[in-house]
Amino acid sequence: MPADNFFVHPSAVLDAPLRFLQGCQRWEVGNDSKLAPQTLPTRVFIGPHACIGTGASIGEGVVIDAYCRVEPHAVVGANSMILYRGTVGVQANVGEWCVIGGSVSENTIVEDHVTTFGKLIHTHWDSLSSWDFREEAEPSPIIRTRSFIGHDARVIGGVEVGPRAYVCAGATVSRDVPPFHIAFGTNKIQHYREWRGKLRNNPLFQES
């Protein structure tokens, strides 16, 4: 295979086990090796000190940059990039042609052509429970296709964003953001046609 299409830095960790879990009857060590260079796609870039967990699925053309992490049993679709120390949590599902530069919590769904530099996180309503074990998993965000999450934005809980929605840098969102809407501040949401700034002309909002 061409050398410029397949690169795994020697410091990268493949098939990293899930850490010991707090509050569970059994500590999962994940020592069943499934991910190795020969099972990776023919086109992939895995940078220095990147870490990919046991059972993770990595698509063709994926870039996992330096110090980024894909946790066990997560999915990263073809041609997506994990950048800027980004993290994809356990069993999260990232679609194709995405750019992930922030934190994607476990079980989060990120559809195709999404760019996010924010934090997609849980509500943590019960802060006294064990960190890992709950009777019912907390709902995770769903980011629909071609939506954008700006730097340091926070999307919290089982909310749905988009498709073709825009969350401004630094925003805090804990309710749904409908298609073609802009979220800003704390749970302030406005249709792009009502936006007074240049953002209303973003090609993201082409409705055809």
N, C-alpha and C. Protein backbone atom coordinates (compact mmCIF):
# COMPACT_ATOMS: atom_id res chain seq x y z
N MET A 1 0.85 -1.19 0.00
CA MET A 1 0.00 0.00 0.00
C MET A 1 0.89 1.24 0.00
N PRO A 2 0.44 2.34 -0.60
CA PRO A 2 1.27 3.54 -0.65
C PRO A 2 1.58 4.06 0.75
N ALA A 3 2.83 4.43 0.97
CA ALA A 3 3.26 4.86 2.30
C ALA A 3 2.51 6.11 2.76
N ASP A 4 2.12 6.99 1.80
CA ASP A 4 1.46 8.23 2.20
C ASP A 4 -0.01 8.05 2.52
N ASN A 5 -0.55 6.86 2.34
CA ASN A 5 -1.96 6.59 2.65
C ASN A 5 -2.15 5.84 3.96
N PHE A 6 -1.09 5.26 4.49
CA PHE A 6 -1.20 4.47 5.72
C PHE A 6 -0.06 4.88 6.65
N PHE A 7 -0.43 5.45 7.81
CA PHE A 7 0.58 5.88 8.75
C PHE A 7 0.08 5.64 10.16
N VAL A 8 0.84 4.90 10.94
CA VAL A 8 0.57 4.71 12.37
C VAL A 8 1.86 5.05 13.10
N HIS A 9 1.85 6.12 13.88
CA HIS A 9 3.05 6.53 14.59
C HIS A 9 3.44 5.47 15.62
N PRO A 10 4.73 5.23 15.79
CA PRO A 10 5.17 4.19 16.74
C PRO A 10 4.69 4.42 18.18
N SER A 11 4.40 5.66 18.55
CA SER A 11 3.95 5.93 19.92
C SER A 11 2.45 5.75 20.11
N ALA A 12 1.72 5.55 19.02
CA ALA A 12 0.27 5.36 19.13
C ALA A 12 -0.03 4.03 19.83
N VAL A 13 -1.16 4.01 20.53
CA VAL A 13 -1.58 2.79 21.24
C VAL A 13 -2.82 2.25 20.55
N LEU A 14 -2.72 1.02 20.06
CA LEU A 14 -3.87 0.37 19.43
C LEU A 14 -4.43 -0.69 20.36
N ASP A 15 -5.75 -0.85 20.32
CA ASP A 15 -6.40 -1.88 21.12
C ASP A 15 -6.26 -1.64 22.62
N ALA A 16 -6.34 -0.38 23.03
CA ALA A 16 -6.24 -0.06 24.45
C ALA A 16 -7.48 -0.56 25.19
N PRO A 17 -7.31 -1.25 26.30
CA PRO A 17 -8.47 -1.77 27.04
C PRO A 17 -9.24 -0.66 27.72
N LEU A 18 -10.51 -0.93 27.97
CA LEU A 18 -11.32 -0.03 28.77
C LEU A 18 -10.75 0.00 30.18
N ARG A 19 -10.63 1.18 30.75
CA ARG A 19 -10.08 1.27 32.11
C ARG A 19 -10.96 0.54 33.11
N PHE A 20 -10.43 0.28 34.27
CA PHE A 20 -11.23 -0.32 35.34
C PHE A 20 -12.41 0.59 35.65
N LEU A 21 -13.57 -0.01 35.87
CA LEU A 21 -14.80 0.77 36.03
C LEU A 21 -15.19 0.90 37.50
N GLN A 22 -15.61 2.09 37.88
CA GLN A 22 -16.02 2.36 39.25
C GLN A 22 -17.45 1.91 39.47
N GLY A 23 -17.68 1.18 40.55
CA GLY A 23 -19.04 0.84 40.94
C GLY A 23 -19.62 -0.36 40.23
N CYS A 24 -18.83 -1.09 39.45
CA CYS A 24 -19.33 -2.26 38.74
C CYS A 24 -18.88 -3.52 39.45
N GLN A 25 -19.68 -4.58 39.29
CA GLN A 25 -19.35 -5.84 39.94
C GLN A 25 -18.10 -6.47 39.32
N ARG A 26 -17.89 -6.18 38.05
CA ARG A 26 -16.75 -6.78 37.35
C ARG A 26 -15.93 -5.68 36.69
N TRP A 27 -14.65 -5.71 36.89
CA TRP A 27 -13.77 -4.78 36.21
C TRP A 27 -13.48 -5.32 34.83
N GLU A 28 -13.77 -4.51 33.83
CA GLU A 28 -13.57 -4.95 32.46
C GLU A 28 -12.17 -4.53 32.01
N VAL A 29 -11.35 -5.52 31.73
CA VAL A 29 -9.97 -5.22 31.36
C VAL A 29 -9.80 -5.21 29.85
N GLY A 30 -10.74 -5.76 29.11
CA GLY A 30 -10.71 -5.65 27.66
C GLY A 30 -9.44 -6.15 27.02
N ASN A 31 -8.99 -7.32 27.41
CA ASN A 31 -7.71 -7.80 26.90
C ASN A 31 -7.87 -8.68 25.66
N ASP A 32 -9.05 -8.67 25.05
CA ASP A 32 -9.23 -9.44 23.81
C ASP A 32 -8.79 -8.56 22.63
N SER A 33 -7.62 -8.81 22.13
CA SER A 33 -7.04 -7.96 21.11
C SER A 33 -7.76 -8.15 19.79
N LYS A 34 -8.31 -7.06 19.24
CA LYS A 34 -9.03 -7.13 17.97
C LYS A 34 -8.50 -6.11 16.96
N LEU A 35 -7.87 -5.06 17.45
CA LEU A 35 -7.43 -3.98 16.57
C LEU A 35 -5.91 -4.02 16.45
N ALA A 36 -5.42 -4.21 15.27
CA ALA A 36 -3.99 -4.27 15.00
C ALA A 36 -3.74 -3.63 13.65
N PRO A 37 -2.49 -3.25 13.36
CA PRO A 37 -2.24 -2.58 12.08
C PRO A 37 -2.77 -3.33 10.88
N GLN A 38 -2.74 -4.65 10.91
CA GLN A 38 -3.20 -5.39 9.74
C GLN A 38 -4.72 -5.37 9.58
N THR A 39 -5.45 -4.96 10.62
CA THR A 39 -6.91 -4.89 10.52
C THR A 39 -7.41 -3.46 10.34
N LEU A 40 -6.51 -2.50 10.32
CA LEU A 40 -6.90 -1.12 10.07
C LEU A 40 -7.20 -0.92 8.59
N PRO A 41 -7.90 0.16 8.24
CA PRO A 41 -8.15 0.42 6.82
C PRO A 41 -6.83 0.63 6.07
N THR A 42 -6.90 0.57 4.76
CA THR A 42 -5.70 0.77 3.95
C THR A 42 -5.31 2.24 3.89
N ARG A 43 -6.25 3.13 4.18
CA ARG A 43 -5.96 4.56 4.24
C ARG A 43 -6.31 5.07 5.64
N VAL A 44 -5.30 5.42 6.41
CA VAL A 44 -5.53 5.88 7.77
C VAL A 44 -4.29 6.64 8.24
N PHE A 45 -4.51 7.63 9.12
CA PHE A 45 -3.41 8.34 9.76
C PHE A 45 -3.67 8.33 11.25
N ILE A 46 -2.75 7.77 12.01
CA ILE A 46 -2.86 7.74 13.46
C ILE A 46 -1.60 8.38 14.01
N GLY A 47 -1.76 9.54 14.62
CA GLY A 47 -0.63 10.37 14.99
C GLY A 47 0.03 9.98 16.31
N PRO A 48 1.05 10.76 16.69
CA PRO A 48 1.81 10.48 17.92
C PRO A 48 0.92 10.45 19.16
N HIS A 49 1.10 9.41 19.94
CA HIS A 49 0.41 9.24 21.23
C HIS A 49 -1.11 9.20 21.12
N ALA A 50 -1.63 8.95 19.93
CA ALA A 50 -3.06 8.70 19.80
C ALA A 50 -3.39 7.35 20.45
N CYS A 51 -4.65 7.18 20.82
CA CYS A 51 -5.05 5.95 21.51
C CYS A 51 -6.39 5.47 20.94
N ILE A 52 -6.43 4.20 20.56
CA ILE A 52 -7.65 3.61 20.01
C ILE A 52 -8.01 2.39 20.85
N GLY A 53 -9.24 2.36 21.34
CA GLY A 53 -9.64 1.32 22.27
C GLY A 53 -10.06 0.02 21.60
N THR A 54 -10.10 -1.01 22.41
CA THR A 54 -10.52 -2.33 21.98
C THR A 54 -11.90 -2.29 21.34
N GLY A 55 -12.04 -2.92 20.20
CA GLY A 55 -13.33 -3.03 19.54
C GLY A 55 -13.78 -1.78 18.81
N ALA A 56 -12.94 -0.75 18.77
CA ALA A 56 -13.31 0.46 18.02
C ALA A 56 -13.30 0.16 16.53
N SER A 57 -14.15 0.86 15.79
CA SER A 57 -14.24 0.68 14.34
C SER A 57 -13.78 1.97 13.66
N ILE A 58 -12.77 1.85 12.83
CA ILE A 58 -12.17 3.01 12.17
C ILE A 58 -12.38 2.87 10.67
N GLY A 59 -12.98 3.88 10.04
CA GLY A 59 -13.28 3.81 8.61
C GLY A 59 -12.10 4.22 7.74
N GLU A 60 -12.26 4.00 6.44
CA GLU A 60 -11.23 4.38 5.48
C GLU A 60 -11.00 5.89 5.48
N GLY A 61 -9.74 6.28 5.38
CA GLY A 61 -9.40 7.68 5.26
C GLY A 61 -9.51 8.48 6.54
N VAL A 62 -9.63 7.82 7.67
CA VAL A 62 -9.76 8.51 8.95
C VAL A 62 -8.41 9.06 9.40
N VAL A 63 -8.44 10.25 10.00
CA VAL A 63 -7.26 10.85 10.62
C VAL A 63 -7.52 10.97 12.12
N ILE A 64 -6.64 10.37 12.90
CA ILE A 64 -6.69 10.51 14.36
C ILE A 64 -5.38 11.16 14.76
N ASP A 65 -5.44 12.43 15.06
CA ASP A 65 -4.23 13.23 15.22
C ASP A 65 -3.59 13.00 16.59
N ALA A 66 -2.47 13.69 16.80
CA ALA A 66 -1.67 13.51 18.01
C ALA A 66 -2.49 13.70 19.27
N TYR A 67 -2.33 12.79 20.22
CA TYR A 67 -2.94 12.84 21.55
C TYR A 67 -4.47 12.74 21.52
N CYS A 68 -5.04 12.32 20.43
CA CYS A 68 -6.49 12.11 20.38
C CYS A 68 -6.83 10.69 20.83
N ARG A 69 -8.10 10.50 21.19
CA ARG A 69 -8.49 9.21 21.75
C ARG A 69 -9.84 8.76 21.18
N VAL A 70 -9.89 7.51 20.76
CA VAL A 70 -11.14 6.85 20.37
C VAL A 70 -11.32 5.69 21.34
N GLU A 71 -12.34 5.75 22.17
CA GLU A 71 -12.47 4.77 23.25
C GLU A 71 -13.09 3.48 22.75
N PRO A 72 -13.05 2.43 23.58
CA PRO A 72 -13.52 1.11 23.14
C PRO A 72 -14.93 1.11 22.57
N HIS A 73 -15.09 0.37 21.48
CA HIS A 73 -16.37 0.12 20.83
C HIS A 73 -17.01 1.39 20.24
N ALA A 74 -16.23 2.44 20.09
CA ALA A 74 -16.71 3.62 19.37
C ALA A 74 -16.57 3.39 17.87
N VAL A 75 -17.30 4.16 17.09
CA VAL A 75 -17.25 4.07 15.63
C VAL A 75 -16.87 5.44 15.08
N VAL A 76 -15.89 5.44 14.18
CA VAL A 76 -15.52 6.67 13.46
C VAL A 76 -15.65 6.37 11.97
N GLY A 77 -16.57 7.06 11.30
CA GLY A 77 -16.87 6.78 9.91
C GLY A 77 -15.80 7.27 8.96
N ALA A 78 -15.90 6.82 7.72
CA ALA A 78 -14.89 7.09 6.69
C ALA A 78 -14.64 8.59 6.53
N ASN A 79 -13.37 8.92 6.35
CA ASN A 79 -12.91 10.28 6.02
C ASN A 79 -13.16 11.31 7.12
N SER A 80 -13.42 10.86 8.32
CA SER A 80 -13.56 11.78 9.44
C SER A 80 -12.20 12.05 10.07
N MET A 81 -12.11 13.18 10.79
CA MET A 81 -10.88 13.57 11.45
C MET A 81 -11.14 13.83 12.93
N ILE A 82 -10.26 13.30 13.78
CA ILE A 82 -10.27 13.59 15.20
C ILE A 82 -9.02 14.44 15.47
N LEU A 83 -9.22 15.69 15.89
CA LEU A 83 -8.13 16.65 15.97
C LEU A 83 -8.09 17.33 17.35
N TYR A 84 -6.99 18.04 17.62
CA TYR A 84 -6.87 18.93 18.78
C TYR A 84 -7.18 18.23 20.10
N ARG A 85 -6.60 17.02 20.25
CA ARG A 85 -6.81 16.21 21.47
C ARG A 85 -8.27 15.81 21.66
N GLY A 86 -9.00 15.69 20.59
CA GLY A 86 -10.39 15.29 20.66
C GLY A 86 -10.56 13.88 21.20
N THR A 87 -11.74 13.62 21.78
CA THR A 87 -12.05 12.33 22.37
C THR A 87 -13.42 11.85 21.88
N VAL A 88 -13.47 10.60 21.47
CA VAL A 88 -14.73 9.95 21.11
C VAL A 88 -14.98 8.87 22.14
N GLY A 89 -16.07 8.99 22.91
CA GLY A 89 -16.31 8.13 24.05
C GLY A 89 -16.78 6.73 23.68
N VAL A 90 -16.87 5.91 24.70
CA VAL A 90 -17.27 4.51 24.55
C VAL A 90 -18.62 4.41 23.83
N GLN A 91 -18.67 3.61 22.79
CA GLN A 91 -19.88 3.33 22.01
C GLN A 91 -20.50 4.58 21.38
N ALA A 92 -19.75 5.65 21.29
CA ALA A 92 -20.22 6.79 20.51
C ALA A 92 -20.12 6.45 19.03
N ASN A 93 -20.95 7.08 18.23
CA ASN A 93 -20.99 6.80 16.80
C ASN A 93 -20.80 8.10 16.02
N VAL A 94 -19.65 8.22 15.37
CA VAL A 94 -19.34 9.39 14.55
C VAL A 94 -19.48 9.00 13.09
N GLY A 95 -20.20 9.78 12.33
CA GLY A 95 -20.45 9.45 10.93
C GLY A 95 -19.28 9.76 10.02
N GLU A 96 -19.56 9.83 8.72
CA GLU A 96 -18.53 10.06 7.72
C GLU A 96 -18.31 11.56 7.50
N TRP A 97 -17.08 11.91 7.11
CA TRP A 97 -16.70 13.28 6.76
C TRP A 97 -16.96 14.26 7.90
N CYS A 98 -16.72 13.82 9.12
CA CYS A 98 -16.86 14.70 10.29
C CYS A 98 -15.50 15.26 10.71
N VAL A 99 -15.54 16.37 11.43
CA VAL A 99 -14.35 16.93 12.08
C VAL A 99 -14.68 17.06 13.56
N ILE A 100 -13.93 16.32 14.38
CA ILE A 100 -14.18 16.28 15.82
C ILE A 100 -12.97 16.90 16.51
N GLY A 101 -13.16 18.07 17.11
CA GLY A 101 -12.06 18.73 17.79
C GLY A 101 -12.36 18.97 19.25
N GLY A 102 -13.32 18.27 19.79
CA GLY A 102 -13.69 18.44 21.20
C GLY A 102 -13.96 17.10 21.85
N SER A 103 -14.93 17.08 22.74
CA SER A 103 -15.25 15.88 23.51
C SER A 103 -16.62 15.35 23.09
N VAL A 104 -16.66 14.08 22.75
CA VAL A 104 -17.91 13.39 22.39
C VAL A 104 -18.14 12.31 23.44
N SER A 105 -19.12 12.50 24.30
CA SER A 105 -19.36 11.55 25.40
C SER A 105 -19.87 10.22 24.88
N GLU A 106 -19.80 9.21 25.75
CA GLU A 106 -20.21 7.87 25.38
C GLU A 106 -21.66 7.85 24.90
N ASN A 107 -21.90 6.99 23.91
CA ASN A 107 -23.22 6.74 23.32
C ASN A 107 -23.78 7.93 22.52
N THR A 108 -23.01 8.97 22.36
CA THR A 108 -23.46 10.11 21.55
C THR A 108 -23.51 9.72 20.07
N ILE A 109 -24.48 10.26 19.35
CA ILE A 109 -24.59 10.03 17.91
C ILE A 109 -24.24 11.33 17.19
N VAL A 110 -23.26 11.25 16.30
CA VAL A 110 -22.87 12.37 15.46
C VAL A 110 -23.03 11.91 14.01
N GLU A 111 -23.95 12.51 13.29
CA GLU A 111 -24.22 12.07 11.93
C GLU A 111 -23.17 12.60 10.96
N ASP A 112 -23.35 12.31 9.66
CA ASP A 112 -22.36 12.66 8.64
C ASP A 112 -22.19 14.17 8.49
N HIS A 113 -20.98 14.58 8.09
CA HIS A 113 -20.67 15.97 7.73
C HIS A 113 -20.92 16.95 8.88
N VAL A 114 -20.63 16.51 10.09
CA VAL A 114 -20.74 17.38 11.26
C VAL A 114 -19.34 17.87 11.65
N THR A 115 -19.25 19.13 12.03
CA THR A 115 -18.03 19.68 12.61
C THR A 115 -18.34 20.12 14.03
N THR A 116 -17.55 19.65 14.98
CA THR A 116 -17.76 20.05 16.37
C THR A 116 -16.43 20.29 17.06
N PHE A 117 -16.32 21.45 17.68
CA PHE A 117 -15.17 21.79 18.51
C PHE A 117 -15.61 22.02 19.95
N GLY A 118 -16.81 21.58 20.28
CA GLY A 118 -17.34 21.78 21.61
C GLY A 118 -17.33 20.50 22.44
N LYS A 119 -18.16 20.50 23.46
CA LYS A 119 -18.28 19.36 24.36
C LYS A 119 -19.71 18.82 24.30
N LEU A 120 -19.84 17.58 23.89
CA LEU A 120 -21.14 16.90 23.85
C LEU A 120 -21.20 16.01 25.08
N ILE A 121 -21.98 16.40 26.07
CA ILE A 121 -21.84 15.82 27.40
C ILE A 121 -23.19 15.43 28.00
N HIS A 122 -23.13 14.68 29.11
CA HIS A 122 -24.32 14.28 29.83
C HIS A 122 -24.68 15.32 30.89
N THR A 123 -25.91 15.21 31.40
CA THR A 123 -26.37 16.19 32.40
C THR A 123 -25.78 15.93 33.79
N HIS A 124 -25.56 14.64 34.12
CA HIS A 124 -25.06 14.26 35.46
C HIS A 124 -25.98 14.79 36.55
N TRP A 125 -27.29 14.48 36.40
CA TRP A 125 -28.25 14.93 37.40
C TRP A 125 -27.96 14.34 38.77
N ASP A 126 -27.52 13.09 38.81
CA ASP A 126 -27.21 12.45 40.08
C ASP A 126 -25.70 12.44 40.26
N SER A 127 -25.19 13.45 40.90
CA SER A 127 -23.74 13.61 41.01
C SER A 127 -23.13 12.75 42.11
N LEU A 128 -23.96 12.03 42.90
CA LEU A 128 -23.43 11.21 43.97
C LEU A 128 -23.31 9.73 43.59
N SER A 129 -23.86 9.35 42.44
CA SER A 129 -23.74 7.95 42.01
C SER A 129 -22.31 7.66 41.58
N SER A 130 -22.00 6.37 41.47
CA SER A 130 -20.69 6.00 40.95
C SER A 130 -20.54 6.57 39.55
N TRP A 131 -19.32 6.90 39.18
CA TRP A 131 -19.09 7.57 37.90
C TRP A 131 -19.49 6.68 36.74
N ASP A 132 -19.30 5.38 36.85
CA ASP A 132 -19.48 4.48 35.72
C ASP A 132 -20.80 3.72 35.72
N PHE A 133 -21.35 3.44 36.88
CA PHE A 133 -22.50 2.54 36.92
C PHE A 133 -23.77 3.28 37.32
N ARG A 134 -24.79 3.18 36.46
CA ARG A 134 -26.11 3.72 36.75
C ARG A 134 -27.14 2.69 36.29
N GLU A 135 -28.26 2.65 36.96
CA GLU A 135 -29.30 1.70 36.57
C GLU A 135 -29.75 1.94 35.13
N GLU A 136 -29.85 3.20 34.76
CA GLU A 136 -30.20 3.56 33.39
C GLU A 136 -29.18 4.57 32.87
N ALA A 137 -28.70 4.35 31.68
CA ALA A 137 -27.73 5.26 31.10
C ALA A 137 -28.37 6.63 30.87
N GLU A 138 -27.61 7.68 31.13
CA GLU A 138 -28.12 9.02 30.86
C GLU A 138 -28.22 9.25 29.36
N PRO A 139 -29.24 9.97 28.91
CA PRO A 139 -29.37 10.25 27.48
C PRO A 139 -28.17 11.03 26.96
N SER A 140 -27.81 10.75 25.73
CA SER A 140 -26.67 11.39 25.10
C SER A 140 -27.14 12.29 23.96
N PRO A 141 -26.37 13.33 23.63
CA PRO A 141 -26.76 14.21 22.53
C PRO A 141 -26.81 13.49 21.18
N ILE A 142 -27.62 14.04 20.29
CA ILE A 142 -27.68 13.58 18.90
C ILE A 142 -27.44 14.81 18.03
N ILE A 143 -26.39 14.76 17.22
CA ILE A 143 -26.05 15.88 16.35
C ILE A 143 -26.33 15.44 14.92
N ARG A 144 -27.31 16.07 14.30
CA ARG A 144 -27.75 15.66 12.98
C ARG A 144 -26.82 16.22 11.88
N THR A 145 -26.99 15.68 10.69
CA THR A 145 -26.08 15.92 9.58
C THR A 145 -25.90 17.41 9.27
N ARG A 146 -24.66 17.76 8.95
CA ARG A 146 -24.23 19.09 8.51
C ARG A 146 -24.46 20.18 9.55
N SER A 147 -24.54 19.80 10.80
CA SER A 147 -24.59 20.80 11.86
C SER A 147 -23.17 21.19 12.28
N PHE A 148 -23.08 22.32 12.98
CA PHE A 148 -21.78 22.86 13.40
C PHE A 148 -21.85 23.24 14.86
N ILE A 149 -20.85 22.81 15.64
CA ILE A 149 -20.75 23.14 17.06
C ILE A 149 -19.46 23.92 17.25
N GLY A 150 -19.54 25.17 17.69
CA GLY A 150 -18.37 26.03 17.80
C GLY A 150 -17.48 25.72 18.99
N HIS A 151 -16.32 26.37 19.02
CA HIS A 151 -15.33 26.17 20.08
C HIS A 151 -15.93 26.44 21.46
N ASP A 152 -15.65 25.51 22.38
CA ASP A 152 -16.05 25.63 23.79
C ASP A 152 -17.56 25.68 24.00
N ALA A 153 -18.34 25.38 22.98
CA ALA A 153 -19.78 25.24 23.19
C ALA A 153 -20.06 23.95 23.98
N ARG A 154 -21.17 23.93 24.67
CA ARG A 154 -21.56 22.75 25.45
C ARG A 154 -22.98 22.35 25.06
N VAL A 155 -23.11 21.12 24.60
CA VAL A 155 -24.42 20.54 24.29
C VAL A 155 -24.65 19.46 25.34
N ILE A 156 -25.69 19.65 26.15
CA ILE A 156 -25.82 18.88 27.39
C ILE A 156 -27.08 18.02 27.36
N GLY A 157 -26.90 16.72 27.61
CA GLY A 157 -28.02 15.81 27.78
C GLY A 157 -28.57 15.28 26.48
N GLY A 158 -29.75 14.67 26.55
CA GLY A 158 -30.33 14.00 25.39
C GLY A 158 -31.04 14.95 24.45
N VAL A 159 -30.33 15.96 24.00
CA VAL A 159 -30.92 16.94 23.09
C VAL A 159 -30.53 16.61 21.66
N GLU A 160 -31.29 17.15 20.71
CA GLU A 160 -31.05 16.93 19.29
C GLU A 160 -30.73 18.28 18.64
N VAL A 161 -29.66 18.29 17.87
CA VAL A 161 -29.23 19.51 17.19
C VAL A 161 -29.28 19.27 15.69
N GLY A 162 -30.06 20.09 14.98
CA GLY A 162 -30.08 20.03 13.53
C GLY A 162 -31.11 19.08 12.95
N PRO A 163 -30.94 18.75 11.66
CA PRO A 163 -29.78 19.01 10.79
C PRO A 163 -29.64 20.47 10.38
N ARG A 164 -28.40 20.79 9.94
CA ARG A 164 -28.04 22.12 9.47
C ARG A 164 -28.33 23.19 10.51
N ALA A 165 -27.98 22.89 11.75
CA ALA A 165 -28.06 23.88 12.81
C ALA A 165 -26.65 24.35 13.16
N TYR A 166 -26.57 25.50 13.81
CA TYR A 166 -25.28 26.11 14.15
C TYR A 166 -25.30 26.51 15.61
N VAL A 167 -24.34 25.99 16.37
CA VAL A 167 -24.20 26.34 17.78
C VAL A 167 -22.97 27.22 17.91
N CYS A 168 -23.16 28.45 18.35
CA CYS A 168 -22.07 29.42 18.40
C CYS A 168 -21.02 29.05 19.45
N ALA A 169 -19.82 29.52 19.25
CA ALA A 169 -18.74 29.30 20.20
C ALA A 169 -19.15 29.80 21.58
N GLY A 170 -18.88 28.96 22.59
CA GLY A 170 -19.17 29.34 23.97
C GLY A 170 -20.61 29.18 24.40
N ALA A 171 -21.49 28.76 23.50
CA ALA A 171 -22.90 28.61 23.86
C ALA A 171 -23.10 27.42 24.80
N THR A 172 -24.18 27.48 25.57
CA THR A 172 -24.61 26.35 26.40
C THR A 172 -26.01 25.96 25.96
N VAL A 173 -26.16 24.70 25.56
CA VAL A 173 -27.43 24.24 24.99
C VAL A 173 -27.90 23.00 25.75
N SER A 174 -29.07 23.08 26.33
CA SER A 174 -29.66 21.91 27.00
C SER A 174 -31.08 21.67 26.52
N ARG A 175 -31.42 22.19 25.33
CA ARG A 175 -32.70 21.90 24.69
C ARG A 175 -32.47 21.76 23.19
N ASP A 176 -33.42 21.18 22.50
CA ASP A 176 -33.26 20.90 21.08
C ASP A 176 -33.02 22.19 20.28
N VAL A 177 -32.18 22.04 19.27
CA VAL A 177 -31.95 23.14 18.32
C VAL A 177 -32.52 22.68 16.98
N PRO A 178 -33.61 23.28 16.51
CA PRO A 178 -34.24 22.81 15.28
C PRO A 178 -33.35 23.03 14.05
N PRO A 179 -33.68 22.38 12.94
CA PRO A 179 -32.94 22.61 11.70
C PRO A 179 -32.93 24.09 11.31
N PHE A 180 -31.80 24.54 10.75
CA PHE A 180 -31.64 25.90 10.24
C PHE A 180 -31.76 26.96 11.32
N HIS A 181 -31.49 26.59 12.56
CA HIS A 181 -31.50 27.54 13.66
C HIS A 181 -30.09 27.75 14.21
N ILE A 182 -29.90 28.88 14.87
CA ILE A 182 -28.63 29.23 15.50
C ILE A 182 -28.85 29.27 17.01
N ALA A 183 -27.98 28.58 17.75
CA ALA A 183 -28.02 28.61 19.20
C ALA A 183 -26.86 29.48 19.71
N PHE A 184 -27.13 30.32 20.68
CA PHE A 184 -26.11 31.21 21.21
C PHE A 184 -26.41 31.49 22.67
N GLY A 185 -25.43 32.01 23.39
CA GLY A 185 -25.64 32.29 24.81
C GLY A 185 -26.04 31.03 25.56
N THR A 186 -27.00 31.18 26.46
CA THR A 186 -27.53 30.04 27.20
C THR A 186 -28.94 29.74 26.72
N ASN A 187 -29.07 28.72 25.91
CA ASN A 187 -30.36 28.25 25.39
C ASN A 187 -31.14 29.32 24.63
N LYS A 188 -30.42 30.24 24.00
CA LYS A 188 -31.06 31.19 23.10
C LYS A 188 -30.99 30.63 21.69
N ILE A 189 -32.12 30.57 21.02
CA ILE A 189 -32.21 29.92 19.71
C ILE A 189 -32.98 30.83 18.75
N GLN A 190 -32.43 30.96 17.56
CA GLN A 190 -33.03 31.88 16.59
C GLN A 190 -32.90 31.29 15.19
N HIS A 191 -33.94 31.44 14.37
CA HIS A 191 -33.85 31.00 12.97
C HIS A 191 -32.82 31.86 12.25
N TYR A 192 -32.08 31.23 11.34
CA TYR A 192 -30.99 31.97 10.69
C TYR A 192 -31.50 33.20 9.94
N ARG A 193 -32.74 33.20 9.45
CA ARG A 193 -33.26 34.35 8.71
C ARG A 193 -33.45 35.57 9.61
N GLU A 194 -33.56 35.32 10.92
CA GLU A 194 -33.74 36.41 11.87
C GLU A 194 -32.40 36.94 12.39
N TRP A 195 -31.32 36.26 12.04
CA TRP A 195 -30.00 36.66 12.54
C TRP A 195 -29.53 37.90 11.79
N ARG A 196 -29.02 38.88 12.52
CA ARG A 196 -28.66 40.15 11.91
C ARG A 196 -27.22 40.19 11.38
N GLY A 197 -26.38 39.28 11.81
CA GLY A 197 -24.99 39.30 11.40
C GLY A 197 -24.72 38.49 10.14
N LYS A 198 -23.44 38.40 9.79
CA LYS A 198 -23.03 37.70 8.57
C LYS A 198 -23.32 36.21 8.62
N LEU A 199 -23.48 35.67 9.83
CA LEU A 199 -23.70 34.23 9.96
C LEU A 199 -24.92 33.77 9.18
N ARG A 200 -25.89 34.63 8.98
CA ARG A 200 -27.10 34.23 8.25
C ARG A 200 -26.78 33.84 6.81
N ASN A 201 -25.63 34.26 6.30
CA ASN A 201 -25.24 33.94 4.93
C ASN A 201 -24.38 32.68 4.83
N ASN A 202 -24.21 31.99 5.95
CA ASN A 202 -23.43 30.76 5.95
C ASN A 202 -24.04 29.75 4.97
N PRO A 203 -23.25 29.17 4.08
CA PRO A 203 -23.79 28.16 3.14
C PRO A 203 -24.45 26.97 3.83
N LEU A 204 -24.14 26.79 5.11
CA LEU A 204 -24.79 25.74 5.90
C LEU A 204 -26.30 25.82 5.81
N PHE A 205 -26.83 27.04 5.68
CA PHE A 205 -28.27 27.24 5.75
C PHE A 205 -28.97 27.19 4.39
N GLN A 206 -28.29 26.74 3.37
CA GLN A 206 -28.94 26.59 2.06
C GLN A 206 -30.03 25.53 2.19
N GLU A 207 -31.24 25.92 1.93
CA GLU A 207 -32.38 25.03 2.17
C GLU A 207 -32.79 24.22 0.96
N SER A 208 -32.13 24.41 -0.16
CA SER A 208 -32.50 23.65 -1.35
C SER A 208 -32.04 22.21 -1.23
